[in-house]
Protein backbone atom coordinates (compact mmCIF):
# COMPACT_ATOMS: atom_id res chain seq x y z
CA MET A 1 111.00 196.19 171.25
CA THR A 2 113.21 194.09 174.30
CA THR A 3 115.02 191.17 173.31
CA ILE A 4 116.89 188.41 174.98
CA ARG A 5 119.90 190.08 174.12
CA ILE A 6 118.94 193.04 175.94
CA VAL A 7 118.21 191.04 178.93
CA SER A 8 121.59 189.05 178.96
CA LYS A 9 123.37 192.76 178.65
CA LEU A 10 121.76 193.86 181.54
CA ALA A 11 122.39 190.87 183.61
CA GLY A 12 126.16 190.39 182.48
CA VAL A 13 125.38 186.92 181.43
CA SER A 14 125.00 185.09 177.89
CA THR A 15 121.89 184.66 176.26
CA ALA A 16 122.09 181.08 176.68
CA THR A 17 122.18 181.49 180.52
CA VAL A 18 119.17 183.66 180.16
CA SER A 19 117.27 181.10 178.17
CA ARG A 20 118.18 178.50 180.62
CA THR A 21 117.07 180.51 183.70
CA LEU A 22 113.85 181.04 182.18
CA LYS A 23 113.24 177.45 180.86
CA ASN A 24 115.12 175.69 183.71
CA PRO A 25 115.71 178.06 186.76
CA GLN A 26 116.75 175.35 188.91
CA LEU A 27 119.85 174.60 186.76
CA VAL A 28 121.29 177.83 187.36
CA SER A 29 122.60 179.19 190.60
CA PRO A 30 120.72 181.71 193.00
CA ASP A 31 122.91 184.48 192.34
CA THR A 32 122.49 184.05 188.56
CA ARG A 33 119.03 183.26 188.47
CA LEU A 34 118.10 186.71 190.78
CA ARG A 35 120.25 188.83 188.34
CA VAL A 36 118.44 187.42 185.26
CA MET A 37 114.90 187.88 186.71
CA GLN A 38 115.74 191.44 187.81
CA ALA A 39 116.74 192.17 184.37
CA VAL A 40 113.79 190.70 182.79
CA GLN A 41 111.71 192.98 185.03
CA THR A 42 114.03 196.13 184.39
CA ALA A 43 113.86 195.49 180.64
CA GLY A 44 110.06 194.27 180.48
CA TYR A 45 111.12 191.36 178.57
CA ARG A 46 108.11 188.81 178.23
CA PRO A 47 109.29 185.66 176.18
CA ASN A 48 106.91 184.24 173.66
CA GLN A 49 105.29 181.53 175.75
CA LEU A 50 103.25 180.24 172.88
CA ALA A 51 106.46 179.64 170.70
CA ARG A 52 108.31 177.91 173.53
CA ASN A 53 105.60 175.46 174.25
CA PHE A 54 105.13 174.73 170.39
CA SER A 55 108.77 174.14 170.06
CA SER A 56 109.26 171.80 173.07
CA GLY A 57 106.18 170.34 172.78
CA LYS A 58 105.47 170.71 176.49
CA ALA A 59 102.48 172.86 178.26
CA TYR A 60 104.78 174.01 180.99
CA ALA A 61 102.01 173.56 183.40
CA VAL A 62 100.68 170.97 185.93
CA VAL A 63 97.23 170.04 187.11
CA VAL A 64 96.60 169.48 190.93
CA LEU A 65 93.60 167.53 191.67
CA VAL A 66 91.91 169.37 195.00
CA PRO A 67 88.96 167.74 196.87
CA ASN A 68 88.00 170.90 198.36
CA VAL A 69 90.00 174.09 197.45
CA ALA A 70 88.27 175.89 200.29
CA ASN A 71 89.89 173.68 202.89
CA PRO A 72 92.74 175.52 204.75
CA PHE A 73 94.76 172.62 205.01
CA PHE A 74 94.68 172.27 201.46
CA SER A 75 95.31 175.65 200.63
CA ARG A 76 98.71 175.53 202.48
CA VAL A 77 99.54 172.58 200.50
CA ILE A 78 98.71 174.46 197.24
CA ARG A 79 101.03 177.18 198.22
CA GLY A 80 103.97 174.95 198.42
CA ILE A 81 103.25 173.35 195.05
CA GLU A 82 103.02 177.05 193.60
CA GLN A 83 106.38 177.80 195.03
CA GLU A 84 108.10 174.81 194.01
CA ALA A 85 106.15 175.10 190.25
CA GLN A 86 107.18 178.80 189.68
CA ALA A 87 111.03 177.90 190.44
CA CYS A 88 110.84 174.99 188.06
CA GLY A 89 109.16 177.19 185.38
CA TYR A 90 105.81 175.78 185.61
CA ALA A 91 102.03 177.25 185.98
CA VAL A 92 99.67 175.38 188.09
CA LEU A 93 96.27 174.72 187.24
CA LEU A 94 93.82 173.71 190.01
CA GLY A 95 90.95 171.42 189.64
CA ASP A 96 88.24 171.79 192.45
CA THR A 97 86.96 168.10 191.96
CA GLN A 98 84.61 168.56 195.22
CA GLY A 99 85.12 164.70 195.80
CA SER A 100 83.55 163.99 192.27
CA VAL A 101 84.93 161.09 190.37
CA SER A 102 83.55 162.57 187.21
CA ARG A 103 85.27 166.11 187.69
CA GLU A 104 88.48 164.14 188.64
CA GLN A 105 88.41 162.37 185.62
CA GLU A 106 87.56 165.37 183.22
CA TYR A 107 90.49 167.32 184.83
CA ALA A 108 92.77 164.34 184.41
CA ARG A 109 92.19 164.13 180.94
CA MET A 110 94.22 167.48 180.38
CA GLY A 111 97.12 165.32 180.93
CA LEU A 112 96.29 163.22 178.17
CA THR A 113 95.60 166.03 175.77
CA SER A 114 98.64 168.22 176.39
CA GLN A 115 96.81 170.82 178.40
CA ALA A 116 99.51 169.49 181.02
CA ASP A 117 102.85 168.04 181.53
CA GLY A 118 101.76 166.13 184.81
CA LEU A 119 99.40 165.74 187.54
CA ILE A 120 99.30 165.79 191.29
CA GLN A 121 96.21 164.35 193.16
CA LEU A 122 95.63 165.15 196.68
CA ASP A 123 92.62 162.78 197.36
CA SER A 124 92.60 159.13 197.77
CA ARG A 125 91.10 158.15 194.26
CA TYR A 126 93.20 157.31 190.98
CA PRO A 127 91.80 159.81 188.86
CA PHE A 128 92.07 158.61 185.48
CA SER A 129 88.84 156.42 184.00
CA ASP A 130 89.32 152.94 182.94
CA GLU A 131 89.05 154.07 179.24
CA ASP A 132 91.95 156.25 179.71
CA SER A 133 94.19 154.00 182.03
CA GLN A 134 96.49 152.82 178.95
CA LEU A 135 97.18 156.24 178.00
CA ALA A 136 97.53 157.41 181.86
CA SER A 137 100.61 155.68 182.28
CA THR A 138 102.68 157.79 180.10
CA VAL A 139 101.30 161.02 182.34
CA PRO A 140 103.82 162.07 184.93
CA PHE A 141 101.67 161.54 188.34
CA VAL A 142 102.05 162.11 191.84
CA ASN A 143 99.87 161.08 194.72
CA ALA A 144 99.82 163.58 197.86
CA CYS A 145 98.27 164.09 200.98
CA GLU A 146 95.61 161.33 200.86
CA ARG A 147 97.10 157.89 199.73
CA ILE A 148 95.54 155.92 197.02
CA THR A 149 94.97 152.51 198.07
CA GLU A 150 95.15 151.01 194.67
CA PRO A 151 98.78 149.42 194.28
CA ALA A 152 100.69 151.19 191.33
CA GLY A 153 104.09 152.50 190.38
CA TYR A 154 103.62 156.17 191.01
CA PRO A 155 105.43 158.50 193.96
CA VAL A 156 103.34 158.81 197.10
CA VAL A 157 104.18 161.82 199.45
CA GLU A 158 102.10 161.77 202.97
CA LEU A 159 102.42 162.23 206.73
CA ASP A 160 103.00 159.58 209.49
CA ASN A 161 99.06 159.80 210.09
CA ARG A 162 99.45 156.50 212.24
CA GLY A 163 102.29 157.97 214.40
CA ALA A 164 100.58 161.24 214.40
CA ALA A 165 97.57 160.21 216.03
CA ARG A 166 99.30 157.61 218.66
CA ALA A 167 101.09 160.63 219.81
CA LEU A 168 98.56 162.62 220.27
CA THR A 169 96.24 160.10 221.92
CA GLN A 170 99.16 159.41 224.17
CA HIS A 171 99.01 162.92 225.23
CA LEU A 172 95.40 162.63 226.07
CA LEU A 173 96.19 159.54 228.17
CA ASP A 174 99.15 160.89 229.92
CA LEU A 175 96.49 163.56 231.37
CA ASN A 176 94.72 160.76 232.62
CA LEU A 177 91.71 161.22 230.16
CA LYS A 178 90.69 157.72 229.21
CA ARG A 179 86.89 158.20 228.22
CA LEU A 180 88.07 158.90 224.30
CA ALA A 181 85.62 159.72 221.59
CA VAL A 182 86.73 160.28 218.34
CA ILE A 183 85.15 162.50 215.32
CA THR A 184 86.64 160.95 211.67
CA GLY A 185 86.39 161.92 208.53
CA PRO A 186 84.54 159.75 205.75
CA ALA A 187 85.15 156.04 206.30
CA ARG A 188 86.49 155.54 202.75
CA SER A 189 89.56 157.77 203.29
CA PRO A 190 92.97 156.05 204.23
CA ILE A 191 94.05 158.54 206.49
CA VAL A 192 90.90 158.37 208.42
CA ARG A 193 91.81 154.43 208.82
CA ASP A 194 95.46 155.50 209.75
CA ARG A 195 94.40 157.76 212.27
CA LEU A 196 91.70 155.55 213.89
CA ALA A 197 94.52 152.79 214.06
CA GLY A 198 96.97 155.45 215.75
CA THR A 199 94.23 156.09 218.29
CA GLN A 200 93.92 152.14 218.99
CA ASP A 201 97.42 151.70 219.13
CA ALA A 202 97.78 153.98 222.14
CA LEU A 203 94.88 152.97 223.70
CA LEU A 204 95.78 149.45 223.73
CA GLY A 205 99.21 150.15 224.84
CA ALA A 206 97.60 151.49 227.86
CA GLY A 207 95.20 148.37 228.38
CA LEU A 208 92.11 150.22 226.97
CA THR A 209 89.73 150.00 224.10
CA LEU A 210 88.09 152.52 222.17
CA ASN A 211 84.22 152.13 222.49
CA PRO A 212 82.34 151.69 219.04
CA ALA A 213 79.64 153.99 220.23
CA ALA A 214 82.19 156.80 221.22
CA VAL A 215 83.43 156.92 217.35
CA VAL A 216 81.28 159.35 214.98
CA ALA A 217 81.70 160.30 211.39
CA GLY A 218 82.08 163.86 210.34
CA ASP A 219 82.99 165.02 206.76
CA PHE A 220 85.75 167.39 207.92
CA SER A 221 83.60 170.29 208.03
CA MET A 222 82.93 172.53 211.15
CA GLN A 223 79.10 171.77 210.96
CA SER A 224 79.93 168.01 210.81
CA GLY A 225 82.26 168.14 213.94
CA HIS A 226 79.48 170.52 215.65
CA ASP A 227 76.81 167.82 214.79
CA ALA A 228 78.97 164.97 215.76
CA ALA A 229 79.87 166.54 219.10
CA ALA A 230 76.12 166.72 219.79
CA GLN A 231 75.65 163.10 219.07
CA LEU A 232 78.21 162.26 221.70
CA LEU A 233 77.02 164.75 224.29
CA GLN A 234 73.55 162.80 223.92
CA GLN A 235 75.15 159.62 225.37
CA PRO A 236 74.85 158.52 228.92
CA GLU A 237 78.46 158.90 229.59
CA ARG A 238 79.83 162.11 228.65
CA PRO A 239 83.50 161.75 226.91
CA GLN A 240 86.38 162.97 229.09
CA ALA A 241 88.31 164.21 225.70
CA ILE A 242 87.38 164.11 221.89
CA PHE A 243 89.89 163.75 219.42
CA CYS A 244 89.11 165.40 215.80
CA MET A 245 90.45 164.24 212.49
CA ASN A 246 90.97 167.96 211.60
CA ASP A 247 90.79 171.44 213.34
CA GLU A 248 87.67 172.40 211.44
CA MET A 249 85.83 169.78 212.84
CA ALA A 250 87.42 170.17 216.22
CA ILE A 251 86.34 174.21 216.13
CA GLY A 252 82.55 172.98 215.19
CA ALA A 253 83.01 170.69 218.21
CA MET A 254 84.06 173.29 220.57
CA SER A 255 81.30 175.38 219.44
CA CYS A 256 78.99 172.62 220.55
CA ILE A 257 80.19 171.88 223.79
CA ARG A 258 80.05 175.45 224.69
CA LYS A 259 76.38 175.53 223.71
CA HIS A 260 75.71 173.09 226.21
CA GLY A 261 77.33 175.04 229.04
CA LEU A 262 80.39 172.87 229.04
CA ARG A 263 84.07 174.30 229.83
CA ILE A 264 86.83 173.51 227.43
CA PRO A 265 89.13 171.60 228.93
CA GLN A 266 88.04 171.49 232.60
CA ASP A 267 84.63 169.75 231.32
CA ILE A 268 85.88 168.09 228.09
CA ALA A 269 89.38 168.66 226.61
CA ILE A 270 89.52 168.37 222.95
CA ALA A 271 92.23 168.02 220.31
CA GLY A 272 92.47 168.54 216.41
CA PHE A 273 94.53 167.71 213.45
CA ASP A 274 96.60 170.00 211.01
CA ASN A 275 97.58 173.09 212.63
CA ILE A 276 95.70 175.69 210.59
CA GLU A 277 96.62 179.12 211.19
CA TYR A 278 93.23 179.70 213.02
CA ALA A 279 93.89 176.76 215.61
CA GLY A 280 96.16 179.07 217.41
CA PHE A 281 93.59 182.00 217.69
CA THR A 282 90.52 179.95 219.10
CA GLU A 283 89.72 180.24 222.96
CA PRO A 284 91.13 178.16 224.29
CA GLY A 285 93.81 177.56 221.67
CA LEU A 286 93.46 174.03 220.22
CA THR A 287 95.86 171.18 220.83
CA THR A 288 96.68 169.66 217.41
CA ILE A 289 99.22 167.99 215.36
CA ASP A 290 101.22 169.86 212.96
CA GLN A 291 101.20 168.67 209.52
CA PRO A 292 104.28 170.57 207.27
CA ALA A 293 101.66 171.24 204.54
CA GLU A 294 103.90 173.75 202.53
CA GLN A 295 106.75 171.07 202.60
CA LEU A 296 104.51 168.60 201.59
CA GLY A 297 103.35 170.50 198.58
CA ARG A 298 106.69 171.32 197.66
CA GLN A 299 107.70 167.59 197.77
CA ALA A 300 105.07 166.40 195.51
CA MET A 301 106.08 169.19 193.09
CA ARG A 302 109.63 168.06 193.17
CA ALA A 303 108.88 164.75 192.46
CA LEU A 304 106.69 165.62 189.77
CA TYR A 305 108.95 167.90 188.03
CA GLN A 306 111.72 164.82 188.57
CA LEU A 307 109.31 162.53 186.38
CA MET A 308 108.52 165.22 183.91
CA GLN A 309 112.35 165.65 183.61
CA GLY A 310 112.95 161.83 183.14
CA THR A 311 115.02 161.61 186.31
CA PRO A 312 114.54 158.54 188.53
CA LEU A 313 113.50 159.28 191.98
CA ALA A 314 115.47 158.01 194.79
CA GLN A 315 112.54 156.91 196.53
CA GLN A 316 108.68 156.23 195.72
CA HIS A 317 107.13 156.67 199.17
CA MET A 318 108.02 159.73 201.10
CA MET A 319 106.85 160.07 204.76
CA LEU A 320 107.13 163.20 206.30
CA PRO A 321 107.24 163.95 210.14
CA TYR A 322 104.57 165.30 212.25
CA ARG A 323 104.58 167.57 215.36
CA LEU A 324 102.38 167.50 218.37
CA VAL A 325 101.36 171.25 219.29
CA VAL A 326 100.00 171.39 222.81
CA ARG A 327 97.62 174.37 223.52
CA ASP A 328 95.19 174.90 226.33
CA SER A 329 92.09 172.85 224.88
CA THR A 330 93.66 169.61 226.51
CA ALA A 331 94.28 169.33 230.33
CA ALA A 332 93.30 167.10 232.95
CA ILE A 333 89.72 167.62 233.56
CA THR A 334 88.16 169.05 236.92
CA ASP A 335 84.81 167.86 236.78
CA LYS A 336 84.76 164.31 237.26
CA LYS A 337 81.36 163.43 235.91
């Protein structure tokens, strides 16, 4: 039977260092961590997780609430969370809430019943029910991606959505595309409101306003982008450019535009948001806003780990930068219709 002493001998470190590496890997140097993990693999050592959890009173797991686990953007955020959690010695339990309040509350209760040590919410609702609210204050909690609007003392990790939308709209205006349409996400979403405000900021700076009839709601799916574009194309005056609030809706809108016999960007320019991997492979390539999704996930997990360790955070609100990625789906139109 392989023991911790065999691992320590193979790695050339003390048993205390082996234990520290397995429990709190961030406390040892990268070189020591690598040697210990290589020795663990060579020796085939498997620590008794049940005994470890029982003795510490911890689950060594965190719950991540995801509104749509199939969404490519959230997949990248989860990857960042997983990477950071693994480095900290924690497992990640995914709760695909599908936008359901009851599912959110059910998963959130895992933090109240010692099945998880902390919680990350990627949606814009506080996940604990009213009846659990008093106990919920004891659960380490971080809000990331979508911002919860209710005031509270938990950390928030998000993108500068308003600034990003302003930059993207300014790019369209610089191409002399002034007749702009927008396909939004659900109205309850704070990031939708932020992105719409950023769009209006840029238009106002150019002495323009956004026609309310040119704003159509989607639900962040390709189908909703397709349907919203069809609605916009039925209007008496065709938009010169469509800003979709995520890449999936933009891809759906591109399909609809082609079905109507129109060219991108010669007849209608189109832009998205998120910079999912497929955005670089559409034809033409999709102009979009790049969100540092994995960094966002790592930052959220890092903040949660500090809370679980009882370490005060240097800041409660972390705003990550964006990057405008210009591809061939946006250009000055040649058809002036």
